[in-house]
N, C-alpha and C. Protein backbone atom coordinates (compact mmCIF):
# COMPACT_ATOMS: atom_id res chain seq x y z
N MET A 1 -70.43 41.64 -54.90
CA MET A 1 -69.68 40.41 -54.83
C MET A 1 -68.43 40.45 -55.74
N LYS A 2 -68.61 41.03 -56.97
CA LYS A 2 -67.48 41.11 -57.89
C LYS A 2 -66.48 42.15 -57.33
N THR A 3 -66.93 43.18 -56.68
CA THR A 3 -66.03 44.12 -56.08
C THR A 3 -65.17 43.49 -55.03
N ARG A 4 -65.74 42.66 -54.20
CA ARG A 4 -64.95 41.95 -53.18
C ARG A 4 -63.92 41.06 -53.80
N SER A 5 -64.28 40.36 -54.82
CA SER A 5 -63.35 39.47 -55.49
C SER A 5 -62.21 40.21 -56.13
N LEU A 6 -62.56 41.39 -56.71
CA LEU A 6 -61.49 42.24 -57.27
C LEU A 6 -60.59 42.75 -56.17
N LEU A 7 -61.21 43.15 -55.03
CA LEU A 7 -60.33 43.66 -53.93
C LEU A 7 -59.44 42.54 -53.42
N ALA A 8 -59.95 41.31 -53.33
CA ALA A 8 -59.13 40.19 -52.91
C ALA A 8 -57.99 39.96 -53.84
N ALA A 9 -58.31 39.98 -55.15
CA ALA A 9 -57.32 39.76 -56.17
C ALA A 9 -56.27 40.90 -56.10
N GLY A 10 -56.77 42.16 -55.98
CA GLY A 10 -55.89 43.26 -55.91
C GLY A 10 -54.93 43.20 -54.68
N GLY A 11 -55.53 42.84 -53.56
CA GLY A 11 -54.72 42.62 -52.33
C GLY A 11 -53.69 41.54 -52.50
N LEU A 12 -54.17 40.52 -53.16
CA LEU A 12 -53.25 39.35 -53.37
C LEU A 12 -52.07 39.76 -54.26
N LEU A 13 -52.37 40.55 -55.30
CA LEU A 13 -51.30 41.02 -56.22
C LEU A 13 -50.31 41.85 -55.50
N VAL A 14 -50.76 42.78 -54.61
CA VAL A 14 -49.90 43.62 -53.82
C VAL A 14 -49.05 42.78 -52.95
N ALA A 15 -49.66 41.69 -52.29
CA ALA A 15 -48.92 40.85 -51.43
C ALA A 15 -47.85 40.06 -52.27
N LEU A 16 -48.23 39.64 -53.41
CA LEU A 16 -47.31 38.87 -54.27
C LEU A 16 -46.16 39.72 -54.69
N ALA A 17 -46.43 40.92 -55.12
CA ALA A 17 -45.38 41.84 -55.51
C ALA A 17 -44.40 42.19 -54.38
N ALA A 18 -45.01 42.34 -53.18
CA ALA A 18 -44.18 42.66 -52.06
C ALA A 18 -43.36 41.50 -51.58
N THR A 19 -43.88 40.27 -51.66
CA THR A 19 -43.12 39.14 -51.17
C THR A 19 -42.16 38.56 -52.25
N ARG A 20 -42.53 38.84 -53.52
CA ARG A 20 -41.81 38.32 -54.62
C ARG A 20 -41.68 36.80 -54.69
N VAL A 21 -42.64 36.14 -54.01
CA VAL A 21 -42.74 34.67 -53.99
C VAL A 21 -44.17 34.29 -54.31
N ALA A 22 -44.45 33.73 -55.42
CA ALA A 22 -45.80 33.33 -55.71
C ALA A 22 -45.86 32.22 -56.70
N ALA A 23 -46.83 31.41 -56.55
CA ALA A 23 -47.18 30.39 -57.57
C ALA A 23 -48.73 30.39 -57.57
N ILE A 24 -49.26 30.79 -58.74
CA ILE A 24 -50.69 30.79 -58.89
C ILE A 24 -51.11 29.78 -59.86
N GLU A 25 -52.02 28.98 -59.46
CA GLU A 25 -52.65 27.93 -60.35
C GLU A 25 -53.98 27.59 -59.81
N GLN A 26 -54.91 27.21 -60.69
CA GLN A 26 -56.19 26.76 -60.26
C GLN A 26 -56.30 25.32 -60.60
N ARG A 27 -56.55 24.53 -59.59
CA ARG A 27 -56.73 23.03 -59.77
C ARG A 27 -57.49 22.53 -58.57
N PRO A 28 -58.08 21.33 -58.73
CA PRO A 28 -58.74 20.72 -57.56
C PRO A 28 -57.82 20.54 -56.39
N LEU A 29 -58.36 20.76 -55.21
CA LEU A 29 -57.61 20.45 -53.99
C LEU A 29 -57.33 18.98 -53.97
N PRO A 30 -56.04 18.57 -53.99
CA PRO A 30 -55.75 17.10 -54.03
C PRO A 30 -56.22 16.42 -52.76
N VAL A 31 -56.45 15.13 -52.80
CA VAL A 31 -56.78 14.34 -51.66
C VAL A 31 -55.42 13.86 -51.06
N PHE A 32 -55.29 14.13 -49.73
CA PHE A 32 -54.18 13.70 -48.97
C PHE A 32 -54.62 13.42 -47.57
N HIS A 33 -53.82 12.72 -46.82
CA HIS A 33 -54.17 12.38 -45.40
C HIS A 33 -53.22 13.01 -44.45
N VAL A 34 -53.79 13.50 -43.39
CA VAL A 34 -53.04 14.16 -42.32
C VAL A 34 -53.63 13.56 -41.01
N THR A 35 -53.02 13.92 -39.88
CA THR A 35 -53.47 13.44 -38.60
C THR A 35 -53.89 14.58 -37.70
N THR A 36 -54.91 14.22 -36.82
CA THR A 36 -55.39 15.18 -35.86
C THR A 36 -54.52 15.11 -34.59
N ALA A 37 -54.80 15.98 -33.66
CA ALA A 37 -54.05 16.01 -32.41
C ALA A 37 -54.03 14.62 -31.66
N ASP A 38 -55.10 13.85 -31.81
CA ASP A 38 -55.20 12.56 -31.16
C ASP A 38 -54.58 11.40 -32.10
N GLY A 39 -54.03 11.80 -33.23
CA GLY A 39 -53.42 10.82 -34.09
C GLY A 39 -54.35 10.15 -35.10
N SER A 40 -55.61 10.55 -35.12
CA SER A 40 -56.54 10.00 -36.13
C SER A 40 -56.23 10.53 -37.50
N LEU A 41 -56.44 9.69 -38.45
CA LEU A 41 -56.21 9.99 -39.87
C LEU A 41 -57.38 10.78 -40.47
N VAL A 42 -57.13 11.87 -41.13
CA VAL A 42 -58.19 12.66 -41.78
C VAL A 42 -57.79 12.93 -43.21
N SER A 43 -58.79 12.88 -44.08
CA SER A 43 -58.61 13.20 -45.51
C SER A 43 -58.82 14.66 -45.76
N SER A 44 -58.08 15.24 -46.65
CA SER A 44 -58.32 16.62 -47.06
C SER A 44 -59.71 16.85 -47.59
N ALA A 45 -60.33 15.79 -48.14
CA ALA A 45 -61.69 15.89 -48.61
C ALA A 45 -62.65 16.19 -47.48
N GLN A 46 -62.22 15.91 -46.23
CA GLN A 46 -63.08 16.14 -45.06
C GLN A 46 -62.90 17.54 -44.51
N PHE A 47 -61.93 18.35 -44.99
CA PHE A 47 -61.80 19.71 -44.55
C PHE A 47 -63.08 20.43 -45.01
N ASN A 48 -63.68 21.09 -44.10
CA ASN A 48 -65.00 21.65 -44.49
C ASN A 48 -65.24 23.06 -44.00
N PRO A 49 -64.30 23.92 -44.08
CA PRO A 49 -64.65 25.31 -43.73
C PRO A 49 -65.66 25.83 -44.70
N SER A 50 -66.51 26.73 -44.27
CA SER A 50 -67.52 27.27 -45.13
C SER A 50 -66.92 28.35 -46.11
N GLY A 51 -67.51 28.45 -47.27
CA GLY A 51 -67.11 29.51 -48.24
C GLY A 51 -65.68 29.32 -48.71
N GLN A 52 -65.05 30.44 -48.94
CA GLN A 52 -63.62 30.46 -49.33
C GLN A 52 -62.82 30.25 -48.06
N TRP A 53 -61.79 29.47 -48.11
CA TRP A 53 -60.98 29.25 -46.93
C TRP A 53 -59.49 29.20 -47.24
N LEU A 54 -58.72 29.19 -46.19
CA LEU A 54 -57.31 29.29 -46.29
C LEU A 54 -56.59 28.09 -45.68
N LEU A 55 -55.74 27.43 -46.44
CA LEU A 55 -54.92 26.33 -45.98
C LEU A 55 -53.47 26.95 -45.77
N ILE A 56 -52.94 26.83 -44.59
CA ILE A 56 -51.63 27.29 -44.35
C ILE A 56 -50.69 26.11 -44.02
N TYR A 57 -49.64 25.90 -44.70
CA TYR A 57 -48.70 24.81 -44.48
C TYR A 57 -47.43 25.44 -43.82
N VAL A 58 -47.07 24.93 -42.64
CA VAL A 58 -45.90 25.45 -41.98
C VAL A 58 -44.99 24.33 -41.62
N ALA A 59 -43.67 24.66 -41.36
CA ALA A 59 -42.72 23.70 -40.95
C ALA A 59 -42.02 24.17 -39.72
N PRO A 60 -41.98 23.28 -38.66
CA PRO A 60 -41.21 23.77 -37.46
C PRO A 60 -39.81 24.03 -37.76
N GLY A 61 -39.26 25.07 -37.09
CA GLY A 61 -37.91 25.43 -37.30
C GLY A 61 -37.72 26.46 -38.36
N SER A 62 -38.72 26.91 -39.03
CA SER A 62 -38.66 27.90 -40.06
C SER A 62 -39.02 29.26 -39.53
N PRO A 63 -38.08 30.22 -39.49
CA PRO A 63 -38.33 31.57 -39.00
C PRO A 63 -39.54 32.19 -39.75
N SER A 64 -39.61 31.98 -41.02
CA SER A 64 -40.74 32.57 -41.83
C SER A 64 -42.09 32.04 -41.36
N CYS A 65 -42.11 30.72 -41.03
CA CYS A 65 -43.32 30.14 -40.54
C CYS A 65 -43.70 30.69 -39.20
N ASP A 66 -42.73 30.89 -38.36
CA ASP A 66 -42.91 31.43 -37.02
C ASP A 66 -43.48 32.83 -37.15
N ARG A 67 -42.87 33.65 -38.01
CA ARG A 67 -43.45 35.03 -38.21
C ARG A 67 -44.85 35.01 -38.70
N LEU A 68 -45.16 34.14 -39.64
CA LEU A 68 -46.55 34.08 -40.16
C LEU A 68 -47.52 33.75 -39.10
N LEU A 69 -47.20 32.71 -38.29
CA LEU A 69 -48.11 32.28 -37.18
C LEU A 69 -48.34 33.38 -36.23
N VAL A 70 -47.28 34.13 -35.88
CA VAL A 70 -47.42 35.26 -34.92
C VAL A 70 -48.25 36.32 -35.54
N ALA A 71 -48.08 36.60 -36.81
CA ALA A 71 -48.85 37.64 -37.48
C ALA A 71 -50.37 37.33 -37.49
N LEU A 72 -50.79 36.07 -37.48
CA LEU A 72 -52.22 35.73 -37.48
C LEU A 72 -52.97 36.31 -36.37
N LYS A 73 -52.32 36.55 -35.21
CA LYS A 73 -53.02 37.09 -34.06
C LYS A 73 -53.57 38.51 -34.36
N GLY A 74 -52.88 39.24 -35.22
CA GLY A 74 -53.33 40.57 -35.60
C GLY A 74 -54.43 40.57 -36.65
N TRP A 75 -54.69 39.39 -37.24
CA TRP A 75 -55.69 39.30 -38.30
C TRP A 75 -56.94 38.61 -37.76
N VAL A 76 -57.17 38.47 -36.44
CA VAL A 76 -58.23 37.73 -35.88
C VAL A 76 -59.57 38.31 -36.28
N SER A 77 -60.42 37.35 -36.72
CA SER A 77 -61.80 37.62 -37.05
C SER A 77 -62.48 36.31 -36.92
N PRO A 78 -63.80 36.27 -36.72
CA PRO A 78 -64.46 34.98 -36.70
C PRO A 78 -64.22 34.14 -37.97
N ASN A 79 -64.17 34.83 -39.10
CA ASN A 79 -64.01 34.14 -40.41
C ASN A 79 -62.59 33.55 -40.47
N LEU A 80 -61.60 34.24 -39.96
CA LEU A 80 -60.22 33.70 -39.97
C LEU A 80 -60.16 32.43 -39.23
N LEU A 81 -60.75 32.43 -38.03
CA LEU A 81 -60.69 31.24 -37.15
C LEU A 81 -61.41 30.06 -37.73
N GLU A 82 -62.57 30.36 -38.33
CA GLU A 82 -63.43 29.29 -38.89
C GLU A 82 -62.98 28.83 -40.28
N ARG A 83 -62.34 29.70 -41.05
CA ARG A 83 -62.07 29.39 -42.39
C ARG A 83 -60.56 29.21 -42.65
N THR A 84 -59.84 28.80 -41.70
CA THR A 84 -58.43 28.53 -41.86
C THR A 84 -58.12 27.14 -41.32
N VAL A 85 -57.24 26.45 -42.00
CA VAL A 85 -56.72 25.18 -41.62
C VAL A 85 -55.23 25.22 -41.69
N ILE A 86 -54.54 24.82 -40.62
CA ILE A 86 -53.07 24.81 -40.60
C ILE A 86 -52.66 23.35 -40.71
N VAL A 87 -51.68 23.09 -41.58
CA VAL A 87 -51.05 21.80 -41.70
C VAL A 87 -49.61 21.99 -41.33
N VAL A 88 -49.13 21.15 -40.34
CA VAL A 88 -47.73 21.24 -39.91
C VAL A 88 -46.95 20.07 -40.38
N GLY A 89 -45.85 20.29 -41.07
CA GLY A 89 -44.97 19.24 -41.47
C GLY A 89 -44.38 18.47 -40.26
N GLY A 90 -44.45 17.18 -40.23
CA GLY A 90 -43.82 16.40 -39.12
C GLY A 90 -44.87 15.59 -38.44
N SER A 91 -44.36 14.99 -37.34
CA SER A 91 -45.19 14.11 -36.55
C SER A 91 -46.29 14.82 -35.79
N THR A 92 -47.28 14.12 -35.33
CA THR A 92 -48.40 14.71 -34.61
C THR A 92 -47.87 15.41 -33.29
N ASP A 93 -47.02 14.64 -32.60
CA ASP A 93 -46.47 15.22 -31.29
C ASP A 93 -45.62 16.44 -31.61
N GLY A 94 -44.84 16.36 -32.69
CA GLY A 94 -44.01 17.48 -33.08
C GLY A 94 -44.77 18.72 -33.41
N ALA A 95 -45.88 18.50 -34.18
CA ALA A 95 -46.78 19.57 -34.61
C ALA A 95 -47.45 20.23 -33.36
N GLN A 96 -47.86 19.36 -32.53
CA GLN A 96 -48.55 19.90 -31.27
C GLN A 96 -47.60 20.71 -30.47
N ALA A 97 -46.40 20.26 -30.27
CA ALA A 97 -45.39 20.98 -29.51
C ALA A 97 -45.01 22.29 -30.20
N TYR A 98 -44.82 22.24 -31.50
CA TYR A 98 -44.52 23.44 -32.26
C TYR A 98 -45.66 24.50 -32.15
N LEU A 99 -46.89 24.08 -32.38
CA LEU A 99 -48.02 25.08 -32.32
C LEU A 99 -48.21 25.58 -30.95
N ALA A 100 -47.95 24.74 -29.88
CA ALA A 100 -48.11 25.25 -28.50
C ALA A 100 -47.13 26.38 -28.26
N LYS A 101 -45.99 26.36 -28.94
CA LYS A 101 -44.96 27.33 -28.72
C LYS A 101 -45.14 28.49 -29.71
N ALA A 102 -45.51 28.24 -31.00
CA ALA A 102 -45.49 29.23 -32.01
C ALA A 102 -46.85 29.92 -32.33
N LEU A 103 -47.94 29.19 -32.05
CA LEU A 103 -49.22 29.72 -32.45
C LEU A 103 -49.81 30.56 -31.24
N PRO A 104 -50.06 31.85 -31.47
CA PRO A 104 -50.59 32.68 -30.35
C PRO A 104 -51.95 32.19 -29.91
N PRO A 105 -52.20 32.36 -28.63
CA PRO A 105 -53.55 31.91 -28.09
C PRO A 105 -54.76 32.56 -28.80
N GLU A 106 -54.54 33.76 -29.32
CA GLU A 106 -55.68 34.47 -29.94
C GLU A 106 -56.15 33.72 -31.19
N VAL A 107 -55.32 32.86 -31.75
CA VAL A 107 -55.73 32.11 -32.94
C VAL A 107 -55.60 30.56 -32.64
N GLY A 108 -55.60 30.21 -31.36
CA GLY A 108 -55.48 28.81 -31.00
C GLY A 108 -56.68 27.96 -31.42
N ALA A 109 -57.78 28.57 -31.78
CA ALA A 109 -58.92 27.82 -32.19
C ALA A 109 -58.93 27.41 -33.68
N ILE A 110 -57.89 27.82 -34.41
CA ILE A 110 -57.76 27.41 -35.78
C ILE A 110 -57.51 25.89 -35.87
N ALA A 111 -58.24 25.19 -36.69
CA ALA A 111 -58.08 23.73 -36.90
C ALA A 111 -56.67 23.48 -37.38
N TRP A 112 -56.05 22.47 -36.84
CA TRP A 112 -54.70 22.13 -37.32
C TRP A 112 -54.51 20.61 -37.45
N TYR A 113 -53.61 20.21 -38.32
CA TYR A 113 -53.32 18.83 -38.58
C TYR A 113 -51.82 18.66 -38.75
N ALA A 114 -51.34 17.48 -38.52
CA ALA A 114 -49.92 17.16 -38.80
C ALA A 114 -49.83 16.33 -40.12
N ASP A 115 -48.61 16.48 -40.72
CA ASP A 115 -48.32 15.78 -42.00
C ASP A 115 -47.17 14.88 -41.78
N PRO A 116 -47.31 13.81 -41.02
CA PRO A 116 -46.22 12.96 -40.68
C PRO A 116 -45.59 12.18 -41.90
N GLN A 117 -46.40 11.86 -42.87
CA GLN A 117 -45.93 11.10 -43.98
C GLN A 117 -45.61 11.98 -45.20
N ASP A 118 -45.70 13.29 -45.04
CA ASP A 118 -45.50 14.27 -46.13
C ASP A 118 -46.45 14.09 -47.27
N GLU A 119 -47.66 13.60 -46.98
CA GLU A 119 -48.67 13.43 -48.04
C GLU A 119 -49.16 14.78 -48.52
N ALA A 120 -49.45 15.71 -47.64
CA ALA A 120 -49.86 17.01 -48.06
C ALA A 120 -48.85 17.72 -48.79
N TRP A 121 -47.61 17.64 -48.33
CA TRP A 121 -46.43 18.24 -48.97
C TRP A 121 -46.37 17.80 -50.42
N ALA A 122 -46.42 16.52 -50.62
CA ALA A 122 -46.29 15.94 -52.00
C ALA A 122 -47.53 16.27 -52.86
N ALA A 123 -48.72 16.12 -52.26
CA ALA A 123 -49.93 16.32 -53.04
C ALA A 123 -50.11 17.78 -53.46
N LEU A 124 -49.67 18.72 -52.61
CA LEU A 124 -49.73 20.13 -52.92
C LEU A 124 -48.60 20.62 -53.73
N ARG A 125 -47.60 19.70 -53.99
CA ARG A 125 -46.39 19.99 -54.79
C ARG A 125 -45.58 21.14 -54.19
N LEU A 126 -45.40 21.09 -52.88
CA LEU A 126 -44.71 22.19 -52.16
C LEU A 126 -43.19 22.03 -52.35
N THR A 127 -42.50 23.19 -52.28
CA THR A 127 -41.10 23.16 -52.37
C THR A 127 -40.43 23.94 -51.21
N GLY A 128 -41.34 24.57 -50.42
CA GLY A 128 -40.87 25.32 -49.21
C GLY A 128 -42.03 25.69 -48.40
N ALA A 129 -41.70 26.25 -47.25
CA ALA A 129 -42.73 26.70 -46.34
C ALA A 129 -42.30 28.05 -45.74
N PRO A 130 -43.27 28.89 -45.41
CA PRO A 130 -44.70 28.64 -45.35
C PRO A 130 -45.34 28.75 -46.68
N VAL A 131 -46.57 28.17 -46.75
CA VAL A 131 -47.41 28.28 -47.96
C VAL A 131 -48.80 28.60 -47.57
N LEU A 132 -49.42 29.59 -48.24
CA LEU A 132 -50.82 29.87 -48.05
C LEU A 132 -51.57 29.51 -49.32
N VAL A 133 -52.64 28.75 -49.21
CA VAL A 133 -53.45 28.29 -50.30
C VAL A 133 -54.80 28.78 -50.15
N GLY A 134 -55.32 29.51 -51.09
CA GLY A 134 -56.75 29.96 -51.16
C GLY A 134 -57.61 28.88 -51.81
N VAL A 135 -58.58 28.38 -51.10
CA VAL A 135 -59.47 27.28 -51.62
C VAL A 135 -60.87 27.81 -51.68
N LYS A 136 -61.54 27.47 -52.75
CA LYS A 136 -63.00 27.76 -52.90
C LYS A 136 -63.63 26.62 -53.63
N GLU A 137 -64.66 26.04 -53.02
CA GLU A 137 -65.40 24.91 -53.60
C GLU A 137 -64.49 23.83 -54.03
N LYS A 138 -63.59 23.46 -53.07
CA LYS A 138 -62.56 22.33 -53.27
C LYS A 138 -61.63 22.55 -54.44
N THR A 139 -61.47 23.84 -54.85
CA THR A 139 -60.50 24.13 -55.91
C THR A 139 -59.50 25.16 -55.35
N ILE A 140 -58.24 24.91 -55.66
CA ILE A 140 -57.23 25.84 -55.28
C ILE A 140 -57.29 27.01 -56.23
N GLN A 141 -57.52 28.18 -55.68
CA GLN A 141 -57.68 29.44 -56.46
C GLN A 141 -56.31 30.15 -56.63
N TRP A 142 -55.45 30.09 -55.61
CA TRP A 142 -54.26 30.81 -55.58
C TRP A 142 -53.35 30.15 -54.51
N SER A 143 -52.03 30.42 -54.56
CA SER A 143 -51.14 30.06 -53.51
C SER A 143 -49.95 31.02 -53.47
N ILE A 144 -49.48 31.19 -52.23
CA ILE A 144 -48.28 32.00 -52.07
C ILE A 144 -47.27 31.14 -51.21
N SER A 145 -46.08 31.10 -51.68
CA SER A 145 -45.09 30.28 -50.97
C SER A 145 -43.76 30.98 -50.90
N GLY A 146 -42.98 30.63 -49.93
CA GLY A 146 -41.62 31.06 -49.82
C GLY A 146 -41.33 31.88 -48.58
N VAL A 147 -40.16 32.48 -48.53
CA VAL A 147 -39.75 33.25 -47.38
C VAL A 147 -40.55 34.52 -47.24
N LEU A 148 -41.14 34.70 -46.10
CA LEU A 148 -41.95 35.93 -45.85
C LEU A 148 -41.27 36.73 -44.80
N ASN A 149 -40.54 37.78 -45.19
CA ASN A 149 -39.89 38.60 -44.29
C ASN A 149 -40.86 39.47 -43.49
N ASP A 150 -41.91 39.88 -44.12
CA ASP A 150 -42.94 40.68 -43.44
C ASP A 150 -44.30 40.18 -43.78
N PRO A 151 -44.84 39.25 -43.01
CA PRO A 151 -46.18 38.69 -43.35
C PRO A 151 -47.24 39.74 -43.35
N LYS A 152 -47.07 40.93 -42.78
CA LYS A 152 -48.12 41.95 -42.77
C LYS A 152 -48.61 42.30 -44.12
N VAL A 153 -47.72 42.12 -45.20
CA VAL A 153 -48.11 42.45 -46.54
C VAL A 153 -49.25 41.53 -46.99
N LEU A 154 -49.47 40.44 -46.34
CA LEU A 154 -50.52 39.46 -46.70
C LEU A 154 -51.83 39.72 -45.98
N GLU A 155 -51.88 40.57 -45.00
CA GLU A 155 -53.04 40.74 -44.13
C GLU A 155 -54.27 41.08 -44.91
N SER A 156 -54.22 42.14 -45.76
CA SER A 156 -55.38 42.49 -46.55
C SER A 156 -55.95 41.45 -47.37
N ALA A 157 -55.07 40.71 -48.11
CA ALA A 157 -55.52 39.64 -48.98
C ALA A 157 -56.18 38.53 -48.18
N VAL A 158 -55.53 38.16 -47.08
CA VAL A 158 -56.09 37.06 -46.23
C VAL A 158 -57.39 37.43 -45.67
N ARG A 159 -57.51 38.68 -45.02
CA ARG A 159 -58.76 39.11 -44.50
C ARG A 159 -59.91 39.15 -45.54
N THR A 160 -59.55 39.68 -46.68
CA THR A 160 -60.58 39.74 -47.78
C THR A 160 -60.97 38.40 -48.21
N TRP A 161 -60.06 37.45 -48.37
CA TRP A 161 -60.33 36.08 -48.85
C TRP A 161 -61.25 35.40 -47.88
N VAL A 162 -60.90 35.27 -46.61
CA VAL A 162 -61.66 34.54 -45.62
C VAL A 162 -62.99 35.32 -45.26
N GLY A 163 -63.02 36.57 -45.57
CA GLY A 163 -64.22 37.35 -45.19
C GLY A 163 -65.37 37.26 -46.21
N GLN A 164 -65.13 36.64 -47.34
CA GLN A 164 -66.13 36.56 -48.37
C GLN A 164 -67.00 35.33 -48.12
């Protein structure tokens, strides 16, 4: 178990060094509200992927977000699909249209939500997108944010994180 955690941390450090964009802090996952595809309001406290999971925040119109979503199809595993939540900045209709265009079908089963009131944005203290947030037991363990020219550098860290 410790070896896997060390591998995840090592992979994360490599990803951070390669992207040169990182903010690491440990704090409780804040409570914020987002909407489902049908417009229903959901609290972040209701996100319930098992084990360690990944929250990805993306914004339509961002080439880095587009690249990250496309890269996800190469990282497909049952754990990735079950242990990932995508939050899209903007209206529910806008998020649905964006993901229909940008999210590859191979990862279309990932749970997603829209952030029409920017509650997630504010609660997570975001300053840009995309953002990847590693969550364990309702605690933010790490986050990576900023421009990702090559999201492949994150693959090992993401696979290790959601695989535990």
